[in-house]
C-alpha atoms as a PDB file:
ATOM      1  CA  MET A   1      -8.404  18.576 -18.251  1.00  0.00           C
ATOM      2  CA  SER A   2      -5.657  15.970 -18.631  1.00  0.00           C
ATOM      3  CA  ALA A   3      -5.626  12.872 -16.452  1.00  0.00           C
ATOM      4  CA  LEU A   4      -3.341  13.115 -13.435  1.00  0.00           C
ATOM      5  CA  LEU A   5      -1.347   9.969 -14.270  1.00  0.00           C
ATOM      6  CA  GLU A   6      -1.453  10.123 -18.062  1.00  0.00           C
ATOM      7  CA  GLY A   7       1.242   7.939 -19.630  1.00  0.00           C
ATOM      8  CA  LYS A   8       2.735   6.695 -16.357  1.00  0.00           C
ATOM      9  CA  ILE A   9       3.679   3.040 -15.917  1.00  0.00           C
ATOM     10  CA  ILE A  10       2.849   1.997 -12.344  1.00  0.00           C
ATOM     11  CA  PHE A  11       3.923  -1.241 -10.663  1.00  0.00           C
ATOM     12  CA  LEU A  12       1.381  -1.998  -7.912  1.00  0.00           C
ATOM     13  CA  THR A  13       1.816  -4.878  -5.478  1.00  0.00           C
ATOM     14  CA  GLY A  14      -1.085  -6.435  -3.612  1.00  0.00           C
ATOM     15  CA  GLY A  15      -3.516  -5.072  -6.170  1.00  0.00           C
ATOM     16  CA  SER A  16      -6.079  -7.851  -6.412  1.00  0.00           C
ATOM     17  CA  CYS A  17      -8.341  -6.724  -3.560  1.00  0.00           C
ATOM     18  CA  GLY A  18      -8.965  -4.033  -0.977  1.00  0.00           C
ATOM     19  CA  ILE A  19      -7.111  -0.730  -1.179  1.00  0.00           C
ATOM     20  CA  GLY A  20      -4.797  -2.139  -3.849  1.00  0.00           C
ATOM     21  CA  HIS A  21      -7.723  -3.009  -6.106  1.00  0.00           C
ATOM     22  CA  ASP A  22      -9.214   0.452  -5.622  1.00  0.00           C
ATOM     23  CA  CYS A  23      -5.841   2.010  -6.453  1.00  0.00           C
ATOM     24  CA  ALA A  24      -5.507  -0.079  -9.624  1.00  0.00           C
ATOM     25  CA  ILE A  25      -8.891   1.125 -10.852  1.00  0.00           C
ATOM     26  CA  ALA A  26      -8.140   4.733  -9.881  1.00  0.00           C
ATOM     27  CA  TYR A  27      -4.716   4.737 -11.551  1.00  0.00           C
ATOM     28  CA  ALA A  28      -6.145   3.347 -14.781  1.00  0.00           C
ATOM     29  CA  ALA A  29      -8.946   5.927 -14.708  1.00  0.00           C
ATOM     30  CA  GLU A  30      -6.313   8.662 -14.433  1.00  0.00           C
ATOM     31  CA  GLY A  31      -4.496   7.474 -17.554  1.00  0.00           C
ATOM     32  CA  ALA A  32      -1.800   5.161 -16.181  1.00  0.00           C
ATOM     33  CA  ASN A  33      -0.828   1.750 -17.456  1.00  0.00           C
ATOM     34  CA  VAL A  34      -0.971  -0.409 -14.342  1.00  0.00           C
ATOM     35  CA  VAL A  35       0.970  -3.589 -13.653  1.00  0.00           C
ATOM     36  CA  VAL A  36      -0.804  -5.331 -10.794  1.00  0.00           C
ATOM     37  CA  VAL A  37       0.719  -8.242  -8.906  1.00  0.00           C
ATOM     38  CA  ALA A  38      -0.649 -10.426  -6.127  1.00  0.00           C
ATOM     39  CA  ASN A  39      -0.269 -14.023  -5.014  1.00  0.00           C
ATOM     40  CA  ASP A  40      -3.983 -14.620  -5.583  1.00  0.00           C
ATOM     41  CA  GLN A  41      -4.666 -16.289  -8.945  1.00  0.00           C
ATOM     42  CA  GLU A  42      -8.423 -15.758  -8.815  1.00  0.00           C
ATOM     43  CA  GLY A  43      -8.123 -12.124  -7.771  1.00  0.00           C
ATOM     44  CA  ILE A  44      -5.527 -11.417 -10.443  1.00  0.00           C
ATOM     45  CA  GLY A  45      -7.868 -12.848 -13.071  1.00  0.00           C
ATOM     46  CA  LYS A  46     -10.687 -10.583 -11.939  1.00  0.00           C
ATOM     47  CA  VAL A  47      -8.622  -7.400 -11.876  1.00  0.00           C
ATOM     48  CA  ALA A  48      -7.139  -8.250 -15.288  1.00  0.00           C
ATOM     49  CA  ALA A  49     -10.638  -8.442 -16.714  1.00  0.00           C
ATOM     50  CA  GLU A  50     -11.592  -5.132 -15.100  1.00  0.00           C
ATOM     51  CA  LEU A  51      -8.508  -3.254 -16.286  1.00  0.00           C
ATOM     52  CA  GLY A  52      -8.377  -4.542 -19.856  1.00  0.00           C
ATOM     53  CA  PRO A  53      -5.574  -5.191 -22.351  1.00  0.00           C
ATOM     54  CA  ASN A  54      -3.554  -1.991 -21.826  1.00  0.00           C
ATOM     55  CA  HIS A  55      -2.524  -3.232 -18.382  1.00  0.00           C
ATOM     56  CA  LEU A  56      -0.855  -6.297 -16.880  1.00  0.00           C
ATOM     57  CA  ALA A  57      -1.969  -8.498 -13.996  1.00  0.00           C
ATOM     58  CA  ILE A  58       0.554 -11.089 -12.851  1.00  0.00           C
ATOM     59  CA  VAL A  59       0.626 -13.692 -10.103  1.00  0.00           C
ATOM     60  CA  CYS A  60       3.666 -12.878  -7.972  1.00  0.00           C
ATOM     61  CA  ASP A  61       4.681 -13.415  -4.359  1.00  0.00           C
ATOM     62  CA  VAL A  62       6.645 -10.342  -3.279  1.00  0.00           C
ATOM     63  CA  THR A  63       8.499 -12.391  -0.665  1.00  0.00           C
ATOM     64  CA  HIS A  64      10.230 -14.251  -3.520  1.00  0.00           C
ATOM     65  CA  ASP A  65      12.971 -12.089  -4.981  1.00  0.00           C
ATOM     66  CA  GLU A  66      13.200 -13.942  -8.296  1.00  0.00           C
ATOM     67  CA  GLU A  67       9.477 -13.513  -8.949  1.00  0.00           C
ATOM     68  CA  VAL A  68       9.686  -9.754  -8.404  1.00  0.00           C
ATOM     69  CA  LYS A  69      12.725  -9.558 -10.687  1.00  0.00           C
ATOM     70  CA  ALA A  70      10.788 -11.356 -13.425  1.00  0.00           C
ATOM     71  CA  VAL A  71       7.900  -8.905 -13.127  1.00  0.00           C
ATOM     72  CA  VAL A  72      10.176  -5.870 -13.463  1.00  0.00           C
ATOM     73  CA  GLU A  73      11.810  -7.427 -16.514  1.00  0.00           C
ATOM     74  CA  LYS A  74       8.363  -8.016 -18.018  1.00  0.00           C
ATOM     75  CA  ILE A  75       7.348  -4.404 -17.348  1.00  0.00           C
ATOM     76  CA  LEU A  76      10.432  -3.060 -19.100  1.00  0.00           C
ATOM     77  CA  SER A  77      10.002  -5.471 -22.007  1.00  0.00           C
ATOM     78  CA  ARG A  78       6.354  -4.471 -22.488  1.00  0.00           C
ATOM     79  CA  PHE A  79       6.458  -0.736 -21.753  1.00  0.00           C
ATOM     80  CA  GLY A  80      10.131   0.233 -21.942  1.00  0.00           C
ATOM     81  CA  ARG A  81      10.074   2.225 -18.723  1.00  0.00           C
ATOM     82  CA  LEU A  82       8.750   2.382 -15.174  1.00  0.00           C
ATOM     83  CA  ASN A  83       7.500   5.568 -13.522  1.00  0.00           C
ATOM     84  CA  ALA A  84       6.243   4.458 -10.127  1.00  0.00           C
ATOM     85  CA  VAL A  85       6.194   1.598  -7.661  1.00  0.00           C
ATOM     86  CA  HIS A  86       3.362   1.342  -5.153  1.00  0.00           C
ATOM     87  CA  ASN A  87       4.327  -1.128  -2.414  1.00  0.00           C
ATOM     88  CA  ASN A  88       0.862  -2.051  -1.224  1.00  0.00           C
ATOM     89  CA  ALA A  89       1.118  -5.804  -0.559  1.00  0.00           C
ATOM     90  CA  GLY A  90       0.553  -6.528   3.104  1.00  0.00           C
ATOM     91  CA  ILE A  91      -0.933  -8.871   5.649  1.00  0.00           C
ATOM     92  CA  SER A  92      -2.270  -8.052   9.105  1.00  0.00           C
ATOM     93  CA  GLN A  93      -2.638 -11.329  10.988  1.00  0.00           C
ATOM     94  CA  PRO A  94      -2.287 -12.266  13.775  1.00  0.00           C
ATOM     95  CA  SER A  95      -4.167 -10.034  16.212  1.00  0.00           C
ATOM     96  CA  LYS A  96      -2.083 -10.820  19.309  1.00  0.00           C
ATOM     97  CA  PRO A  97       0.227  -9.250  21.870  1.00  0.00           C
ATOM     98  CA  ILE A  98       3.860  -9.941  21.117  1.00  0.00           C
ATOM     99  CA  HIS A  99       4.393 -12.655  23.739  1.00  0.00           C
ATOM    100  CA  GLU A 100       1.709 -14.790  22.062  1.00  0.00           C
ATOM    101  CA  THR A 101       3.141 -14.302  18.555  1.00  0.00           C
ATOM    102  CA  THR A 102       4.954 -17.284  17.051  1.00  0.00           C
ATOM    103  CA  ASP A 103       8.181 -17.046  15.080  1.00  0.00           C
ATOM    104  CA  GLU A 104       6.302 -18.159  11.979  1.00  0.00           C
ATOM    105  CA  GLU A 105       3.675 -15.418  12.360  1.00  0.00           C
ATOM    106  CA  TRP A 106       6.334 -12.770  13.033  1.00  0.00           C
ATOM    107  CA  ASN A 107       8.433 -13.810  10.040  1.00  0.00           C
ATOM    108  CA  SER A 108       5.443 -13.940   7.728  1.00  0.00           C
ATOM    109  CA  LEU A 109       4.427 -10.375   8.584  1.00  0.00           C
ATOM    110  CA  PHE A 110       7.919  -8.992   8.156  1.00  0.00           C
ATOM    111  CA  ASP A 111       8.524 -10.937   4.946  1.00  0.00           C
ATOM    112  CA  VAL A 112       5.440  -9.525   3.230  1.00  0.00           C
ATOM    113  CA  ASN A 113       5.189  -6.058   4.760  1.00  0.00           C
ATOM    114  CA  LEU A 114       8.875  -5.120   4.692  1.00  0.00           C
ATOM    115  CA  LYS A 115      10.962  -7.605   2.737  1.00  0.00           C
ATOM    116  CA  GLY A 116       8.590  -7.191  -0.197  1.00  0.00           C
ATOM    117  CA  VAL A 117       9.717  -3.549  -0.397  1.00  0.00           C
ATOM    118  CA  LEU A 118      13.349  -4.670  -0.401  1.00  0.00           C
ATOM    119  CA  HIS A 119      12.639  -6.879  -3.405  1.00  0.00           C
ATOM    120  CA  THR A 120      10.710  -4.325  -5.460  1.00  0.00           C
ATOM    121  CA  MET A 121      13.280  -1.615  -4.892  1.00  0.00           C
ATOM    122  CA  ARG A 122      16.239  -3.907  -5.563  1.00  0.00           C
ATOM    123  CA  HIS A 123      14.965  -4.548  -9.078  1.00  0.00           C
ATOM    124  CA  ALA A 124      12.984  -1.390  -9.875  1.00  0.00           C
ATOM    125  CA  PHE A 125      15.525   1.200  -8.737  1.00  0.00           C
ATOM    126  CA  PRO A 126      17.483   1.552 -12.016  1.00  0.00           C
ATOM    127  CA  ALA A 127      14.287   2.117 -14.012  1.00  0.00           C
ATOM    128  CA  LEU A 128      12.948   4.597 -11.452  1.00  0.00           C
ATOM    129  CA  ALA A 129      16.221   6.506 -11.494  1.00  0.00           C
ATOM    130  CA  ALA A 130      16.071   6.660 -15.290  1.00  0.00           C
ATOM    131  CA  SER A 131      12.528   8.060 -15.236  1.00  0.00           C
ATOM    132  CA  LYS A 132      12.978  10.182 -12.076  1.00  0.00           C
ATOM    133  CA  GLY A 133       9.964   8.329 -10.822  1.00  0.00           C
ATOM    134  CA  CYS A 134       8.380   7.880  -7.442  1.00  0.00           C
ATOM    135  CA  VAL A 135       7.582   5.297  -4.794  1.00  0.00           C
ATOM    136  CA  LEU A 136       4.526   4.998  -2.577  1.00  0.00           C
ATOM    137  CA  ASN A 137       4.313   2.686   0.435  1.00  0.00           C
ATOM    138  CA  THR A 138       0.994   1.675   1.992  1.00  0.00           C
ATOM    139  CA  SER A 139       1.482   1.974   5.723  1.00  0.00           C
ATOM    140  CA  SER A 140      -1.089   2.355   8.487  1.00  0.00           C
ATOM    141  CA  LEU A 141      -1.894   4.868  11.178  1.00  0.00           C
ATOM    142  CA  VAL A 142      -1.171   2.150  13.743  1.00  0.00           C
ATOM    143  CA  GLY A 143       2.474   2.410  12.725  1.00  0.00           C
ATOM    144  CA  VAL A 144       2.369   5.948  14.159  1.00  0.00           C
ATOM    145  CA  ILE A 145       0.100   5.618  17.202  1.00  0.00           C
ATOM    146  CA  GLY A 146       0.210   1.882  18.012  1.00  0.00           C
ATOM    147  CA  GLN A 147      -2.689  -0.513  18.441  1.00  0.00           C
ATOM    148  CA  GLU A 148      -3.779  -2.889  21.161  1.00  0.00           C
ATOM    149  CA  ILE A 149      -3.512  -6.639  20.428  1.00  0.00           C
ATOM    150  CA  HIS A 150      -1.694  -6.113  17.122  1.00  0.00           C
ATOM    151  CA  ALA A 151       1.965  -5.889  18.078  1.00  0.00           C
ATOM    152  CA  ALA A 152       3.808  -7.516  15.178  1.00  0.00           C
ATOM    153  CA  TYR A 153       1.699  -5.776  12.533  1.00  0.00           C
ATOM    154  CA  THR A 154       2.215  -2.355  14.095  1.00  0.00           C
ATOM    155  CA  ALA A 155       5.955  -3.079  14.236  1.00  0.00           C
ATOM    156  CA  THR A 156       6.024  -3.666  10.480  1.00  0.00           C
ATOM    157  CA  LYS A 157       4.144  -0.451   9.754  1.00  0.00           C
ATOM    158  CA  GLY A 158       6.261   1.618  12.120  1.00  0.00           C
ATOM    159  CA  GLY A 159       9.286   0.150  10.362  1.00  0.00           C
ATOM    160  CA  LEU A 160       7.790   0.997   6.987  1.00  0.00           C
ATOM    161  CA  ASN A 161       7.320   4.629   8.015  1.00  0.00           C
ATOM    162  CA  ALA A 162      10.981   4.888   9.037  1.00  0.00           C
ATOM    163  CA  LEU A 163      12.025   3.081   5.873  1.00  0.00           C
ATOM    164  CA  THR A 164      10.019   5.533   3.761  1.00  0.00           C
ATOM    165  CA  LYS A 165      11.949   8.475   5.198  1.00  0.00           C
ATOM    166  CA  SER A 166      15.318   6.794   4.704  1.00  0.00           C
ATOM    167  CA  MET A 167      14.414   5.848   1.139  1.00  0.00           C
ATOM    168  CA  ALA A 168      13.382   9.445   0.467  1.00  0.00           C
ATOM    169  CA  LEU A 169      16.808  10.648   1.600  1.00  0.00           C
ATOM    170  CA  ASP A 170      18.716   7.960  -0.283  1.00  0.00           C
ATOM    171  CA  TYR A 171      16.850   8.457  -3.541  1.00  0.00           C
ATOM    172  CA  ALA A 172      16.386  12.241  -3.606  1.00  0.00           C
ATOM    173  CA  LYS A 173      19.696  12.660  -5.424  1.00  0.00           C
ATOM    174  CA  HIS A 174      18.299  10.439  -8.173  1.00  0.00           C
ATOM    175  CA  GLY A 175      15.155  12.553  -8.496  1.00  0.00           C
ATOM    176  CA  ILE A 176      12.969   9.817  -6.979  1.00  0.00           C
ATOM    177  CA  ARG A 177      10.257  10.830  -4.511  1.00  0.00           C
ATOM    178  CA  VAL A 178       9.214   8.376  -1.769  1.00  0.00           C
ATOM    179  CA  ASN A 179       6.102   8.762   0.380  1.00  0.00           C
ATOM    180  CA  ALA A 180       3.729   6.651   2.437  1.00  0.00           C
ATOM    181  CA  VAL A 181      -0.013   6.692   2.906  1.00  0.00           C
ATOM    182  CA  CYS A 182      -1.406   5.882   6.365  1.00  0.00           C
ATOM    183  CA  PRO A 183      -5.079   4.947   6.553  1.00  0.00           C
ATOM    184  CA  ALA A 184      -6.751   4.504   9.934  1.00  0.00           C
ATOM    185  CA  GLY A 185      -9.627   2.245   8.951  1.00  0.00           C
ATOM    186  CA  ALA A 186     -10.968   1.471   5.486  1.00  0.00           C
ATOM    187  CA  TRP A 187     -13.489  -1.231   4.698  1.00  0.00           C
ATOM    188  CA  THR A 188     -11.456  -3.863   2.907  1.00  0.00           C
ATOM    189  CA  PRO A 189     -11.412  -7.675   3.103  1.00  0.00           C
ATOM    190  CA  MET A 190      -8.386  -7.423   5.412  1.00  0.00           C
ATOM    191  CA  LEU A 191     -10.247  -5.138   7.830  1.00  0.00           C
ATOM    192  CA  HIS A 192     -13.321  -7.373   7.775  1.00  0.00           C
ATOM    193  CA  GLN A 193     -11.098 -10.351   8.608  1.00  0.00           C
ATOM    194  CA  TRP A 194      -9.463  -8.450  11.467  1.00  0.00           C
ATOM    195  CA  LEU A 195     -12.919  -7.437  12.705  1.00  0.00           C
ATOM    196  CA  MET A 196     -14.060 -11.046  12.935  1.00  0.00           C
ATOM    197  CA  GLU A 197     -10.988 -11.898  15.059  1.00  0.00           C
ATOM    198  CA  GLN A 198     -12.032  -9.433  17.755  1.00  0.00           C
ATOM    199  CA  PRO A 199     -13.804 -10.538  20.955  1.00  0.00           C
ATOM    200  CA  ASP A 200     -16.921  -8.462  20.133  1.00  0.00           C
ATOM    201  CA  PRO A 201     -17.143  -7.761  16.377  1.00  0.00           C
ATOM    202  CA  ASP A 202     -20.358  -5.705  16.624  1.00  0.00           C
ATOM    203  CA  SER A 203     -18.954  -3.222  19.132  1.00  0.00           C
ATOM    204  CA  THR A 204     -15.668  -3.120  17.238  1.00  0.00           C
ATOM    205  CA  LYS A 205     -17.501  -2.211  14.027  1.00  0.00           C
ATOM    206  CA  LEU A 206     -19.185   0.680  15.828  1.00  0.00           C
ATOM    207  CA  TYR A 207     -15.803   1.697  17.224  1.00  0.00           C
ATOM    208  CA  LEU A 208     -14.276   1.740  13.729  1.00  0.00           C
ATOM    209  CA  ASN A 209     -16.802   4.342  12.649  1.00  0.00           C
ATOM    210  CA  GLU A 210     -16.532   6.407  15.818  1.00  0.00           C
ATOM    211  CA  ILE A 211     -12.721   6.661  15.908  1.00  0.00           C
ATOM    212  CA  HIS A 212     -12.875   8.845  12.797  1.00  0.00           C
ATOM    213  CA  PRO A 213     -13.947  12.388  13.759  1.00  0.00           C
ATOM    214  CA  LEU A 214     -15.449  12.781  10.282  1.00  0.00           C
ATOM    215  CA  GLY A 215     -17.969  10.186  11.423  1.00  0.00           C
ATOM    216  CA  TYR A 216     -17.444   7.069   9.360  1.00  0.00           C
ATOM    217  CA  CYS A 217     -14.965   4.440   8.261  1.00  0.00           C
ATOM    218  CA  PRO A 218     -14.503   4.916   4.499  1.00  0.00           C
ATOM    219  CA  ASP A 219     -14.098   2.433   1.705  1.00  0.00           C
ATOM    220  CA  GLY A 220     -10.807   2.039  -0.127  1.00  0.00           C
ATOM    221  CA  SER A 221     -11.578   4.661  -2.762  1.00  0.00           C
ATOM    222  CA  ALA A 222     -10.863   7.427  -0.243  1.00  0.00           C
ATOM    223  CA  ILE A 223      -7.355   6.050   0.182  1.00  0.00           C
ATOM    224  CA  ALA A 224      -6.920   5.530  -3.565  1.00  0.00           C
ATOM    225  CA  ASP A 225      -7.674   9.194  -4.255  1.00  0.00           C
ATOM    226  CA  ALA A 226      -4.850  10.243  -1.929  1.00  0.00           C
ATOM    227  CA  CYS A 227      -2.540   7.749  -3.628  1.00  0.00           C
ATOM    228  CA  VAL A 228      -3.332   9.199  -7.052  1.00  0.00           C
ATOM    229  CA  PHE A 229      -2.266  12.609  -5.766  1.00  0.00           C
ATOM    230  CA  LEU A 230       0.991  11.344  -4.256  1.00  0.00           C
ATOM    231  CA  LEU A 231       1.984   9.610  -7.507  1.00  0.00           C
ATOM    232  CA  SER A 232       1.056  12.602  -9.654  1.00  0.00           C
ATOM    233  CA  GLU A 233       3.009  15.705 -10.619  1.00  0.00           C
ATOM    234  CA  LYS A 234       0.747  17.642  -8.239  1.00  0.00           C
ATOM    235  CA  ALA A 235       2.926  16.152  -5.470  1.00  0.00           C
ATOM    236  CA  ARG A 236       6.206  16.899  -7.277  1.00  0.00           C
ATOM    237  CA  PHE A 237       7.823  18.594  -4.248  1.00  0.00           C
ATOM    238  CA  ILE A 238       6.600  16.136  -1.612  1.00  0.00           C
ATOM    239  CA  THR A 239       8.945  13.397  -0.425  1.00  0.00           C
ATOM    240  CA  GLY A 240       9.513  11.554   2.844  1.00  0.00           C
ATOM    241  CA  HIS A 241       5.941  12.361   3.856  1.00  0.00           C
ATOM    242  CA  ILE A 242       3.776   9.990   5.902  1.00  0.00           C
ATOM    243  CA  MET A 243       0.306  11.098   4.801  1.00  0.00           C
ATOM    244  CA  HIS A 244      -2.510  10.345   7.236  1.00  0.00           C
ATOM    245  CA  VAL A 245      -5.731   9.538   5.379  1.00  0.00           C
ATOM    246  CA  SER A 246      -7.553   8.930   8.601  1.00  0.00           C
ATOM    247  CA  GLY A 247     -10.557  11.206   8.992  1.00  0.00           C
ATOM    248  CA  GLY A 248      -8.671  12.779  11.899  1.00  0.00           C
ATOM    249  CA  ALA A 249      -8.503   9.551  13.929  1.00  0.00           C
ATOM    250  CA  GLU A 250      -5.186  10.530  15.518  1.00  0.00           C
ATOM    251  CA  LEU A 251      -6.311  13.956  16.737  1.00  0.00           C
ATOM    252  CA  GLY A 252      -6.598  14.676  20.469  1.00  0.00           C
ATOM    253  CA  TYR A 253      -8.873  13.334  23.179  1.00  0.00           C
ATOM    254  CA  ARG A 254     -12.488  12.845  22.202  1.00  0.00           C
ATOM    255  CA  ARG A 255     -15.553  11.782  24.106  1.00  0.00           C
ATOM    256  CA  MET A 256     -17.280   8.750  22.587  1.00  0.00           C
ATOM    257  CA  LEU A 257     -21.034   9.253  23.063  1.00  0.00           C
END
């Protein structure tokens, strides 16, 4: 059986840890050449060592347009084409209601979680149109259902879901598919950090397991498997879709025992 991503060149942002790291490993295992970027020098070094010489790992801040442009140019110089962009870079702090959020915190969230997509698409679009490639955005279920004490973050993810649908419409005529993946919880460094910001981390950890009807909060590999599918030819007629990879967390009223 052939690998699902055999021969694809994938540009993955925020790939040094968490879901991004798990996606990088999964994409490589399915035959892709992966170009991972993050603004974390140490993390980039580790993922470069894990992936090996057929891949690239580059320090890049997606909020800086010129850095993203340089990465795309390097991809095309090295591989000659680009088949997919996975906009995964994101931050989640602060955990606050909106009236307590500072301008600096608000701008930081929107710069990473949304402006980063502007920068990747500005420079990657011609190559994606040439390859009739695809785009995947890492969103969050909270962008659909909301979340208490997390206003600015949920605003960015709700915006990303709307942006995904508009991108799908804009790019369909170029043969480019655009989708988003929406985890509920997944055990990543970002989630652990958020957990420690909560008033009662122990009860919140229990809550994170119980909100998923399937009974547990997964690790990032569960999300990565869905991402592999969405970037593969198995998803060739799927675009503008906001895929919940949530263990059913958004479904109905449930009694917490």
